[in-house]
Amino acid sequence: MRLIPLDRLMIETDAPYLLPRDLQPKPRSRRNEPKYLPHVLATVAACRGEPPEAVAEATTSHALRFFGFE
C-alpha cells in the first residue's frame, strides 16, 4: 500500500459485502455499510504510516477529480 502514490489512492467500503475483519464490535447484520469508511481510512493511514487527516484529504481530492466533480 505504501507504494501507491497518494494522489492515485481511493478508499471504499466494499458495501454491502466484505465487512472489515477487525471491526469491533461486529455488527449483528454482518453487512458492510458506508458508515464504516472512517474505519477503512484509519486502517489505510496506519498501513501507510501517515495521519488519517492527510489520507482523507488526498483520497477525497483524488476521488472528486476522478469522477469529474472538481
PDB file of N, CA and C in Angstrom:
ATOM      1  N   MET A   1       0.812  -1.177   0.000  1.00  0.00           N
ATOM      2  CA  MET A   1       0.000   0.000   0.000  1.00  0.00           C
ATOM      3  C   MET A   1       0.865   1.254   0.000  1.00  0.00           C
ATOM      4  N   ARG A   2       2.030   1.179   0.594  1.00  0.00           N
ATOM      5  CA  ARG A   2       2.917   2.346   0.654  1.00  0.00           C
ATOM      6  C   ARG A   2       3.453   2.727  -0.709  1.00  0.00           C
ATOM      7  N   LEU A   3       3.427   1.793  -1.651  1.00  0.00           N
ATOM      8  CA  LEU A   3       3.949   2.069  -2.987  1.00  0.00           C
ATOM      9  C   LEU A   3       2.947   2.792  -3.877  1.00  0.00           C
ATOM     10  N   ILE A   4       1.686   2.829  -3.479  1.00  0.00           N
ATOM     11  CA  ILE A   4       0.664   3.529  -4.262  1.00  0.00           C
ATOM     12  C   ILE A   4       0.808   5.018  -4.002  1.00  0.00           C
ATOM     13  N   PRO A   5       1.032   5.825  -5.042  1.00  0.00           N
ATOM     14  CA  PRO A   5       1.113   7.271  -4.816  1.00  0.00           C
ATOM     15  C   PRO A   5      -0.183   7.783  -4.200  1.00  0.00           C
ATOM     16  N   LEU A   6      -0.059   8.666  -3.227  1.00  0.00           N
ATOM     17  CA  LEU A   6      -1.227   9.159  -2.507  1.00  0.00           C
ATOM     18  C   LEU A   6      -2.215   9.842  -3.435  1.00  0.00           C
ATOM     19  N   ASP A   7      -1.728  10.466  -4.505  1.00  0.00           N
ATOM     20  CA  ASP A   7      -2.652  11.139  -5.429  1.00  0.00           C
ATOM     21  C   ASP A   7      -3.337  10.162  -6.384  1.00  0.00           C
ATOM     22  N   ARG A   8      -3.098   8.871  -6.215  1.00  0.00           N
ATOM     23  CA  ARG A   8      -3.749   7.827  -7.018  1.00  0.00           C
ATOM     24  C   ARG A   8      -4.618   6.907  -6.188  1.00  0.00           C
ATOM     25  N   LEU A   9      -4.672   7.165  -4.901  1.00  0.00           N
ATOM     26  CA  LEU A   9      -5.347   6.262  -3.980  1.00  0.00           C
ATOM     27  C   LEU A   9      -6.780   6.714  -3.720  1.00  0.00           C
ATOM     28  N   MET A  10      -7.718   5.760  -3.743  1.00  0.00           N
ATOM     29  CA  MET A  10      -9.092   5.993  -3.324  1.00  0.00           C
ATOM     30  C   MET A  10      -9.440   4.896  -2.324  1.00  0.00           C
ATOM     31  N   ILE A  11     -10.371   5.188  -1.434  1.00  0.00           N
ATOM     32  CA  ILE A  11     -10.796   4.179  -0.464  1.00  0.00           C
ATOM     33  C   ILE A  11     -12.290   3.946  -0.616  1.00  0.00           C
ATOM     34  N   GLU A  12     -12.719   2.756  -0.212  1.00  0.00           N
ATOM     35  CA  GLU A  12     -14.128   2.385  -0.307  1.00  0.00           C
ATOM     36  C   GLU A  12     -14.450   1.389   0.789  1.00  0.00           C
ATOM     37  N   THR A  13     -15.711   1.014   0.878  1.00  0.00           N
ATOM     38  CA  THR A  13     -16.123   0.087   1.938  1.00  0.00           C
ATOM     39  C   THR A  13     -16.438  -1.316   1.430  1.00  0.00           C
ATOM     40  N   ASP A  14     -16.482  -1.534   0.136  1.00  0.00           N
ATOM     41  CA  ASP A  14     -16.911  -2.819  -0.424  1.00  0.00           C
ATOM     42  C   ASP A  14     -18.327  -3.164   0.022  1.00  0.00           C
ATOM     43  N   ALA A  15     -19.127  -2.149   0.288  1.00  0.00           N
ATOM     44  CA  ALA A  15     -20.506  -2.371   0.744  1.00  0.00           C
ATOM     45  C   ALA A  15     -21.308  -3.022  -0.363  1.00  0.00           C
ATOM     46  N   PRO A  16     -22.178  -3.954  -0.073  1.00  0.00           N
ATOM     47  CA  PRO A  16     -22.591  -4.431   1.246  1.00  0.00           C
ATOM     48  C   PRO A  16     -21.814  -5.651   1.728  1.00  0.00           C
ATOM     49  N   TYR A  17     -20.760  -6.043   1.042  1.00  0.00           N
ATOM     50  CA  TYR A  17     -20.023  -7.253   1.404  1.00  0.00           C
ATOM     51  C   TYR A  17     -18.673  -6.903   2.008  1.00  0.00           C
ATOM     52  N   LEU A  18     -17.955  -7.890   2.429  1.00  0.00           N
ATOM     53  CA  LEU A  18     -16.590  -7.783   2.943  1.00  0.00           C
ATOM     54  C   LEU A  18     -16.461  -6.809   4.105  1.00  0.00           C
ATOM     55  N   LEU A  19     -17.162  -7.087   5.155  1.00  0.00           N
ATOM     56  CA  LEU A  19     -17.068  -6.316   6.386  1.00  0.00           C
ATOM     57  C   LEU A  19     -15.616  -6.360   6.867  1.00  0.00           C
ATOM     58  N   PRO A  20     -15.045  -5.232   7.290  1.00  0.00           N
ATOM     59  CA  PRO A  20     -13.662  -5.271   7.797  1.00  0.00           C
ATOM     60  C   PRO A  20     -13.518  -6.298   8.916  1.00  0.00           C
ATOM     61  N   ARG A  21     -12.512  -7.133   8.800  1.00  0.00           N
ATOM     62  CA  ARG A  21     -12.325  -8.228   9.765  1.00  0.00           C
ATOM     63  C   ARG A  21     -12.042  -7.744  11.173  1.00  0.00           C
ATOM     64  N   ASP A  22     -11.404  -6.581  11.284  1.00  0.00           N
ATOM     65  CA  ASP A  22     -11.015  -6.100  12.605  1.00  0.00           C
ATOM     66  C   ASP A  22     -11.996  -5.089  13.196  1.00  0.00           C
ATOM     67  N   LEU A  23     -13.160  -4.951  12.603  1.00  0.00           N
ATOM     68  CA  LEU A  23     -14.173  -4.019  13.101  1.00  0.00           C
ATOM     69  C   LEU A  23     -14.752  -4.539  14.408  1.00  0.00           C
ATOM     70  N   GLN A  24     -14.677  -3.715  15.441  1.00  0.00           N
ATOM     71  CA  GLN A  24     -15.200  -4.116  16.748  1.00  0.00           C
ATOM     72  C   GLN A  24     -16.097  -3.018  17.289  1.00  0.00           C
ATOM     73  N   PRO A  25     -17.234  -3.299  17.835  1.00  0.00           N
ATOM     74  CA  PRO A  25     -17.833  -4.631  17.848  1.00  0.00           C
ATOM     75  C   PRO A  25     -18.409  -4.977  16.469  1.00  0.00           C
ATOM     76  N   LYS A  26     -18.493  -6.253  16.203  1.00  0.00           N
ATOM     77  CA  LYS A  26     -19.062  -6.702  14.931  1.00  0.00           C
ATOM     78  C   LYS A  26     -20.555  -6.374  14.899  1.00  0.00           C
ATOM     79  N   PRO A  27     -21.024  -5.764  13.815  1.00  0.00           N
ATOM     80  CA  PRO A  27     -22.464  -5.503  13.722  1.00  0.00           C
ATOM     81  C   PRO A  27     -23.244  -6.813  13.628  1.00  0.00           C
ATOM     82  N   ARG A  28     -24.427  -6.807  14.173  1.00  0.00           N
ATOM     83  CA  ARG A  28     -25.264  -8.018  14.145  1.00  0.00           C
ATOM     84  C   ARG A  28     -25.580  -8.460  12.728  1.00  0.00           C
ATOM     85  N   SER A  29     -25.806  -7.491  11.853  1.00  0.00           N
ATOM     86  CA  SER A  29     -26.225  -7.838  10.495  1.00  0.00           C
ATOM     87  C   SER A  29     -25.077  -8.377   9.644  1.00  0.00           C
ATOM     88  N   ARG A  30     -23.833  -8.134  10.068  1.00  0.00           N
ATOM     89  CA  ARG A  30     -22.639  -8.539   9.305  1.00  0.00           C
ATOM     90  C   ARG A  30     -22.623  -7.896   7.920  1.00  0.00           C
ATOM     91  N   ARG A  31     -23.392  -6.845   7.734  1.00  0.00           N
ATOM     92  CA  ARG A  31     -23.470  -6.136   6.460  1.00  0.00           C
ATOM     93  C   ARG A  31     -22.532  -4.933   6.503  1.00  0.00           C
ATOM     94  N   ASN A  32     -21.696  -4.794   5.493  1.00  0.00           N
ATOM     95  CA  ASN A  32     -20.804  -3.648   5.403  1.00  0.00           C
ATOM     96  C   ASN A  32     -21.593  -2.450   4.879  1.00  0.00           C
ATOM     97  N   GLU A  33     -21.325  -1.284   5.438  1.00  0.00           N
ATOM     98  CA  GLU A  33     -22.037  -0.072   5.047  1.00  0.00           C
ATOM     99  C   GLU A  33     -21.051   1.086   4.926  1.00  0.00           C
ATOM    100  N   PRO A  34     -21.415   2.114   4.168  1.00  0.00           N
ATOM    101  CA  PRO A  34     -20.524   3.273   4.024  1.00  0.00           C
ATOM    102  C   PRO A  34     -20.157   3.932   5.355  1.00  0.00           C
ATOM    103  N   LYS A  35     -20.944   3.753   6.397  1.00  0.00           N
ATOM    104  CA  LYS A  35     -20.621   4.373   7.684  1.00  0.00           C
ATOM    105  C   LYS A  35     -19.334   3.816   8.290  1.00  0.00           C
ATOM    106  N   TYR A  36     -18.810   2.717   7.734  1.00  0.00           N
ATOM    107  CA  TYR A  36     -17.552   2.152   8.213  1.00  0.00           C
ATOM    108  C   TYR A  36     -16.343   2.718   7.476  1.00  0.00           C
ATOM    109  N   LEU A  37     -16.564   3.672   6.594  1.00  0.00           N
ATOM    110  CA  LEU A  37     -15.455   4.266   5.840  1.00  0.00           C
ATOM    111  C   LEU A  37     -14.392   4.886   6.759  1.00  0.00           C
ATOM    112  N   PRO A  38     -14.741   5.551   7.853  1.00  0.00           N
ATOM    113  CA  PRO A  38     -13.688   6.057   8.752  1.00  0.00           C
ATOM    114  C   PRO A  38     -12.774   4.947   9.281  1.00  0.00           C
ATOM    115  N   HIS A  39     -13.334   3.774   9.507  1.00  0.00           N
ATOM    116  CA  HIS A  39     -12.518   2.641   9.946  1.00  0.00           C
ATOM    117  C   HIS A  39     -11.543   2.222   8.835  1.00  0.00           C
ATOM    118  N   VAL A  40     -12.041   2.164   7.614  1.00  0.00           N
ATOM    119  CA  VAL A  40     -11.188   1.813   6.471  1.00  0.00           C
ATOM    120  C   VAL A  40     -10.088   2.865   6.318  1.00  0.00           C
ATOM    121  N   LEU A  41     -10.461   4.133   6.422  1.00  0.00           N
ATOM    122  CA  LEU A  41      -9.480   5.218   6.326  1.00  0.00           C
ATOM    123  C   LEU A  41      -8.393   5.074   7.385  1.00  0.00           C
ATOM    124  N   ALA A  42      -8.779   4.826   8.620  1.00  0.00           N
ATOM    125  CA  ALA A  42      -7.799   4.681   9.696  1.00  0.00           C
ATOM    126  C   ALA A  42      -6.840   3.527   9.428  1.00  0.00           C
ATOM    127  N   THR A  43      -7.356   2.436   8.899  1.00  0.00           N
ATOM    128  CA  THR A  43      -6.516   1.278   8.598  1.00  0.00           C
ATOM    129  C   THR A  43      -5.548   1.585   7.465  1.00  0.00           C
ATOM    130  N   VAL A  44      -6.034   2.225   6.415  1.00  0.00           N
ATOM    131  CA  VAL A  44      -5.166   2.599   5.286  1.00  0.00           C
ATOM    132  C   VAL A  44      -4.077   3.561   5.764  1.00  0.00           C
ATOM    133  N   ALA A  45      -4.453   4.557   6.548  1.00  0.00           N
ATOM    134  CA  ALA A  45      -3.477   5.522   7.054  1.00  0.00           C
ATOM    135  C   ALA A  45      -2.419   4.839   7.914  1.00  0.00           C
ATOM    136  N   ALA A  46      -2.840   3.925   8.769  1.00  0.00           N
ATOM    137  CA  ALA A  46      -1.886   3.200   9.614  1.00  0.00           C
ATOM    138  C   ALA A  46      -0.923   2.366   8.776  1.00  0.00           C
ATOM    139  N   CYS A  47      -1.439   1.711   7.751  1.00  0.00           N
ATOM    140  CA  CYS A  47      -0.584   0.909   6.869  1.00  0.00           C
ATOM    141  C   CYS A  47       0.432   1.773   6.128  1.00  0.00           C
ATOM    142  N   ARG A  48       0.045   2.993   5.806  1.00  0.00           N
ATOM    143  CA  ARG A  48       0.928   3.914   5.094  1.00  0.00           C
ATOM    144  C   ARG A  48       1.839   4.689   6.038  1.00  0.00           C
ATOM    145  N   GLY A  49       1.535   4.673   7.351  1.00  0.00           N
ATOM    146  CA  GLY A  49       2.316   5.431   8.309  1.00  0.00           C
ATOM    147  C   GLY A  49       2.085   6.928   8.170  1.00  0.00           C
ATOM    148  N   GLU A  50       0.855   7.301   7.812  1.00  0.00           N
ATOM    149  CA  GLU A  50       0.513   8.703   7.593  1.00  0.00           C
ATOM    150  C   GLU A  50      -0.686   9.076   8.452  1.00  0.00           C
ATOM    151  N   PRO A  51      -0.862  10.375   8.752  1.00  0.00           N
ATOM    152  CA  PRO A  51      -2.023  10.789   9.541  1.00  0.00           C
ATOM    153  C   PRO A  51      -3.320  10.555   8.763  1.00  0.00           C
ATOM    154  N   PRO A  52      -4.363  10.091   9.428  1.00  0.00           N
ATOM    155  CA  PRO A  52      -5.645   9.865   8.745  1.00  0.00           C
ATOM    156  C   PRO A  52      -6.173  11.115   8.049  1.00  0.00           C
ATOM    157  N   GLU A  53      -5.955  12.286   8.638  1.00  0.00           N
ATOM    158  CA  GLU A  53      -6.444  13.526   8.030  1.00  0.00           C
ATOM    159  C   GLU A  53      -5.797  13.781   6.672  1.00  0.00           C
ATOM    160  N   ALA A  54      -4.508  13.484   6.561  1.00  0.00           N
ATOM    161  CA  ALA A  54      -3.801  13.683   5.292  1.00  0.00           C
ATOM    162  C   ALA A  54      -4.295  12.707   4.235  1.00  0.00           C
ATOM    163  N   VAL A  55      -4.516  11.465   4.629  1.00  0.00           N
ATOM    164  CA  VAL A  55      -5.017  10.461   3.688  1.00  0.00           C
ATOM    165  C   VAL A  55      -6.444  10.803   3.275  1.00  0.00           C
ATOM    166  N   ALA A  56      -7.271  11.250   4.219  1.00  0.00           N
ATOM    167  CA  ALA A  56      -8.650  11.630   3.899  1.00  0.00           C
ATOM    168  C   ALA A  56      -8.675  12.782   2.904  1.00  0.00           C
ATOM    169  N   GLU A  57      -7.866  13.786   3.142  1.00  0.00           N
ATOM    170  CA  GLU A  57      -7.834  14.940   2.234  1.00  0.00           C
ATOM    171  C   GLU A  57      -7.383  14.531   0.833  1.00  0.00           C
ATOM    172  N   ALA A  58      -6.332  13.735   0.754  1.00  0.00           N
ATOM    173  CA  ALA A  58      -5.800  13.323  -0.548  1.00  0.00           C
ATOM    174  C   ALA A  58      -6.759  12.396  -1.289  1.00  0.00           C
ATOM    175  N   THR A  59      -7.344  11.428  -0.592  1.00  0.00           N
ATOM    176  CA  THR A  59      -8.230  10.482  -1.279  1.00  0.00           C
ATOM    177  C   THR A  59      -9.530  11.147  -1.700  1.00  0.00           C
ATOM    178  N   THR A  60     -10.018  12.078  -0.912  1.00  0.00           N
ATOM    179  CA  THR A  60     -11.230  12.817  -1.294  1.00  0.00           C
ATOM    180  C   THR A  60     -10.960  13.660  -2.532  1.00  0.00           C
ATOM    181  N   SER A  61      -9.836  14.358  -2.530  1.00  0.00           N
ATOM    182  CA  SER A  61      -9.465  15.183  -3.682  1.00  0.00           C
ATOM    183  C   SER A  61      -9.326  14.340  -4.949  1.00  0.00           C
ATOM    184  N   HIS A  62      -8.662  13.191  -4.814  1.00  0.00           N
ATOM    185  CA  HIS A  62      -8.470  12.319  -5.976  1.00  0.00           C
ATOM    186  C   HIS A  62      -9.806  11.780  -6.478  1.00  0.00           C
ATOM    187  N   ALA A  63     -10.682  11.367  -5.573  1.00  0.00           N
ATOM    188  CA  ALA A  63     -11.993  10.838  -5.980  1.00  0.00           C
ATOM    189  C   ALA A  63     -12.804  11.913  -6.699  1.00  0.00           C
ATOM    190  N   LEU A  64     -12.772  13.137  -6.195  1.00  0.00           N
ATOM    191  CA  LEU A  64     -13.501  14.230  -6.858  1.00  0.00           C
ATOM    192  C   LEU A  64     -12.979  14.465  -8.269  1.00  0.00           C
ATOM    193  N   ARG A  65     -11.649  14.444  -8.427  1.00  0.00           N
ATOM    194  CA  ARG A  65     -11.057  14.602  -9.773  1.00  0.00           C
ATOM    195  C   ARG A  65     -11.425  13.421 -10.671  1.00  0.00           C
ATOM    196  N   PHE A  66     -11.292  12.218 -10.139  1.00  0.00           N
ATOM    197  CA  PHE A  66     -11.547  11.004 -10.906  1.00  0.00           C
ATOM    198  C   PHE A  66     -12.966  10.963 -11.455  1.00  0.00           C
ATOM    199  N   PHE A  67     -13.933  11.347 -10.629  1.00  0.00           N
ATOM    200  CA  PHE A  67     -15.327  11.287 -11.033  1.00  0.00           C
ATOM    201  C   PHE A  67     -15.821  12.590 -11.651  1.00  0.00           C
ATOM    202  N   GLY A  68     -14.922  13.570 -11.851  1.00  0.00           N
ATOM    203  CA  GLY A  68     -15.261  14.803 -12.545  1.00  0.00           C
ATOM    204  C   GLY A  68     -16.082  15.797 -11.730  1.00  0.00           C
ATOM    205  N   PHE A  69     -15.917  15.785 -10.409  1.00  0.00           N
ATOM    206  CA  PHE A  69     -16.674  16.699  -9.553  1.00  0.00           C
ATOM    207  C   PHE A  69     -15.850  17.875  -9.061  1.00  0.00           C
ATOM    208  N   GLU A  70     -14.700  18.109  -9.633  1.00  0.00           N
ATOM    209  CA  GLU A  70     -13.843  19.216  -9.210  1.00  0.00           C
ATOM    210  C   GLU A  70     -14.455  20.532  -9.530  1.00  0.00           C
TER     211      GLU A  70
END
